Amino acid sequence: MKTDTNKKLVHINNLQRGDKFQIPSVRDTMSDMKFISTTETSSLIEGYKRDSIDDNWKPFRMHVSNGVMVEVVDQFEKNLMEENKQNATATAEQTEVSAAPKRRGRPSKAKLAFNQLKGVDGEFTVRDVVEKNDIKEYEVHNLIRSAVQSGKVSVVKELVGGRGKPRKVYRLA
């Protein structure tokens, strides 16, 4: 994108608090930038940015190097940027209302209570509970292990079936 040759480029750390500016090289993806403060090595700025030209504008706040050259924005452009910011905020609010926040990590599992399972009256094995309740075997193992530790279920006997570990037969305590 072309930059206006009449604009004077200055180092960002020469701005005053609240000055509006733009960085010529990122004009399409960052707008309505305002100078906040400076330190020896960086300056704090805020404004609106987007990842690509088709995306919505989102507010941001970040530090940039004091070596960055910027164009100070005059009053007419400040008013234009304010209008863009209001439009961006309105579209951002519309998208926030429609989309629920995404949670990170695995989705939480629904906790099953041992007394809600079918086929646990009398003697039963893990395989019996899996077949009657249509849940995964490892979930049944976890439920039975918890019930054994809490004393609700006890091991009655073990059935030897040839190869592998013997199957445990449980009963409610």
Protein backbone atom coordinates (compact mmCIF):
# COMPACT_ATOMS: atom_id res chain seq x y z
CA MET A 1 0.00 0.00 0.00
CA LYS A 2 1.29 3.49 -0.79
CA THR A 3 2.23 5.90 1.96
CA ASP A 4 1.60 9.60 1.70
CA THR A 5 4.89 11.39 0.96
CA ASN A 6 3.71 14.47 2.90
CA LYS A 7 3.63 12.47 6.14
CA LYS A 8 6.62 12.79 8.40
CA LEU A 9 7.97 9.62 9.98
CA VAL A 10 9.09 9.85 13.61
CA HIS A 11 10.41 7.35 16.15
CA ILE A 12 7.59 6.03 18.30
CA ASN A 13 9.27 7.03 21.57
CA ASN A 14 9.02 10.73 20.51
CA LEU A 15 5.20 10.66 20.77
CA GLN A 16 3.16 11.99 23.67
CA ARG A 17 0.60 9.98 25.66
CA GLY A 18 -2.65 9.65 23.67
CA ASP A 19 -1.14 10.51 20.27
CA LYS A 20 -2.74 8.58 17.43
CA PHE A 21 -0.45 7.10 14.80
CA GLN A 22 -0.11 4.37 12.22
CA ILE A 23 2.74 2.16 11.12
CA PRO A 24 2.97 2.30 7.30
CA SER A 25 4.07 -1.32 6.84
CA VAL A 26 1.12 -2.79 8.78
CA ARG A 27 -1.63 -0.34 7.87
CA ASP A 28 -3.91 -3.11 6.53
CA THR A 29 -3.80 -5.25 9.67
CA MET A 30 -3.34 -2.70 12.50
CA SER A 31 -5.33 0.50 12.88
CA ASP A 32 -6.43 3.18 15.33
CA MET A 33 -3.20 2.89 17.29
CA LYS A 34 -2.59 5.10 20.29
CA PHE A 35 0.65 5.75 22.17
CA ILE A 36 0.46 4.90 25.90
CA SER A 37 3.95 5.07 27.43
CA THR A 38 7.63 4.39 26.79
CA THR A 39 10.64 2.82 28.52
CA GLU A 40 14.30 2.75 27.52
CA THR A 41 13.78 -0.12 25.07
CA SER A 42 10.11 -0.26 24.11
CA SER A 43 6.86 1.67 23.88
CA LEU A 44 3.41 0.51 24.95
CA ILE A 45 0.70 0.96 22.33
CA GLU A 46 -2.93 -0.03 21.92
CA GLY A 47 -5.30 -0.20 19.00
CA TYR A 48 -7.12 -2.66 16.77
CA LYS A 49 -5.65 -5.49 14.72
CA ARG A 50 -6.70 -8.42 12.57
CA ASP A 51 -4.86 -11.48 11.30
CA SER A 52 -5.93 -10.99 7.69
CA ILE A 53 -7.86 -8.45 5.68
CA ASP A 54 -11.02 -10.60 5.80
CA ASP A 55 -11.02 -10.96 9.62
CA ASN A 56 -12.80 -8.74 12.14
CA TRP A 57 -10.90 -6.08 14.08
CA LYS A 58 -9.95 -6.99 17.65
CA PRO A 59 -8.52 -4.70 20.34
CA PHE A 60 -4.90 -5.23 21.35
CA ARG A 61 -2.25 -3.77 23.65
CA MET A 62 1.45 -4.53 23.18
CA HIS A 63 5.02 -3.27 23.39
CA VAL A 64 6.97 -2.33 20.25
CA SER A 65 10.60 -1.38 19.78
CA ASN A 66 11.50 2.29 20.13
CA GLY A 67 13.18 2.04 16.73
CA VAL A 68 9.82 1.74 14.93
CA MET A 69 9.05 4.66 12.64
CA VAL A 70 5.42 5.83 12.66
CA GLU A 71 3.19 8.44 11.00
CA VAL A 72 1.31 10.76 13.32
CA VAL A 73 -2.37 10.90 12.35
CA ASP A 74 -4.04 14.31 11.82
CA GLN A 75 -7.51 15.22 13.15
CA PHE A 76 -9.47 14.19 10.01
CA GLU A 77 -7.93 10.73 10.05
CA LYS A 78 -8.52 10.47 13.82
CA ASN A 79 -12.26 10.95 13.23
CA LEU A 80 -12.21 8.35 10.45
CA MET A 81 -10.40 5.89 12.72
CA GLU A 82 -12.96 6.46 15.49
CA GLU A 83 -15.76 5.53 13.07
CA ASN A 84 -13.88 2.38 12.03
CA LYS A 85 -13.34 1.48 15.67
CA GLN A 86 -17.06 1.83 16.45
CA ASN A 87 -17.95 -0.37 13.46
CA ALA A 88 -15.35 -2.94 14.51
CA THR A 89 -16.64 -2.97 18.08
CA ALA A 90 -20.23 -3.47 16.88
CA THR A 91 -19.28 -6.43 14.68
CA ALA A 92 -17.10 -7.90 17.44
CA GLU A 93 -20.00 -7.67 19.91
CA GLN A 94 -22.29 -9.41 17.44
CA THR A 95 -19.85 -12.29 16.99
CA GLU A 96 -19.28 -12.58 20.76
CA VAL A 97 -23.01 -12.92 21.42
CA SER A 98 -23.46 -15.65 18.83
CA ALA A 99 -20.40 -17.75 19.71
CA ALA A 100 -20.00 -19.41 23.09
CA PRO A 101 -16.50 -19.24 24.57
CA LYS A 102 -14.36 -22.23 23.71
CA ARG A 103 -12.92 -24.21 26.56
CA ARG A 104 -9.48 -25.70 26.45
CA GLY A 105 -8.58 -29.32 27.02
CA ARG A 106 -10.66 -32.45 26.95
CA PRO A 107 -14.40 -32.16 27.42
CA SER A 108 -15.54 -33.16 30.89
CA LYS A 109 -17.17 -36.56 31.22
CA ALA A 110 -20.57 -37.10 32.73
CA LYS A 111 -20.07 -38.77 36.08
CA LEU A 112 -21.96 -42.03 36.44
CA ALA A 113 -23.19 -43.15 39.82
CA PHE A 114 -22.67 -46.83 40.59
CA ASN A 115 -26.26 -47.22 41.77
CA GLN A 116 -27.54 -46.05 38.32
CA LEU A 117 -25.95 -49.01 36.52
CA LYS A 118 -28.09 -51.95 35.37
CA GLY A 119 -27.09 -55.52 36.18
CA VAL A 120 -25.32 -54.87 39.47
CA ASP A 121 -27.84 -56.74 41.62
CA GLY A 122 -26.55 -60.12 42.76
CA GLU A 123 -23.18 -61.25 41.43
CA PHE A 124 -21.72 -59.54 38.35
CA THR A 125 -18.54 -59.12 36.33
CA VAL A 126 -17.22 -56.13 34.45
CA ARG A 127 -18.29 -57.71 31.15
CA ASP A 128 -21.89 -58.08 32.43
CA VAL A 129 -22.09 -54.39 33.34
CA VAL A 130 -20.58 -53.30 30.00
CA GLU A 131 -23.11 -55.34 28.01
CA LYS A 132 -26.17 -54.19 29.98
CA ASN A 133 -25.26 -50.47 30.15
CA ASP A 134 -23.55 -49.85 26.79
CA ILE A 135 -20.57 -48.00 28.29
CA LYS A 136 -16.86 -48.50 27.83
CA GLU A 137 -15.02 -51.18 29.76
CA TYR A 138 -12.44 -48.83 31.28
CA GLU A 139 -15.26 -46.65 32.68
CA VAL A 140 -16.80 -49.70 34.38
CA HIS A 141 -13.40 -50.68 35.79
CA ASN A 142 -12.99 -47.17 37.21
CA LEU A 143 -16.49 -47.20 38.77
CA ILE A 144 -15.99 -50.64 40.33
CA ARG A 145 -12.53 -49.71 41.63
CA SER A 146 -14.00 -46.63 43.34
CA ALA A 147 -16.87 -48.68 44.78
CA VAL A 148 -14.45 -51.33 46.12
CA GLN A 149 -12.30 -48.65 47.76
CA SER A 150 -15.34 -47.04 49.39
CA GLY A 151 -16.64 -50.42 50.58
CA LYS A 152 -19.85 -50.49 48.52
CA VAL A 153 -18.73 -53.50 46.45
CA SER A 154 -16.65 -56.53 47.39
CA VAL A 155 -14.89 -59.23 45.37
CA VAL A 156 -16.66 -62.60 45.79
CA LYS A 157 -14.49 -64.88 43.66
CA GLU A 158 -12.27 -65.07 40.61
CA LEU A 159 -13.15 -67.12 37.52
CA VAL A 160 -10.22 -68.75 35.75
CA GLY A 161 -10.85 -68.95 32.04
CA GLY A 162 -7.58 -70.43 30.79
CA ARG A 163 -5.35 -67.67 29.43
CA GLY A 164 -4.87 -64.22 30.93
CA LYS A 165 -5.93 -62.83 34.25
CA PRO A 166 -8.82 -64.40 36.09
CA ARG A 167 -12.14 -62.47 35.89
CA LYS A 168 -13.32 -61.05 39.19
CA VAL A 169 -16.90 -61.54 40.31
CA TYR A 170 -18.33 -58.72 42.44
CA ARG A 171 -21.34 -58.30 44.74
CA LEU A 172 -22.83 -55.26 46.45
CA ALA A 173 -21.69 -55.11 50.06
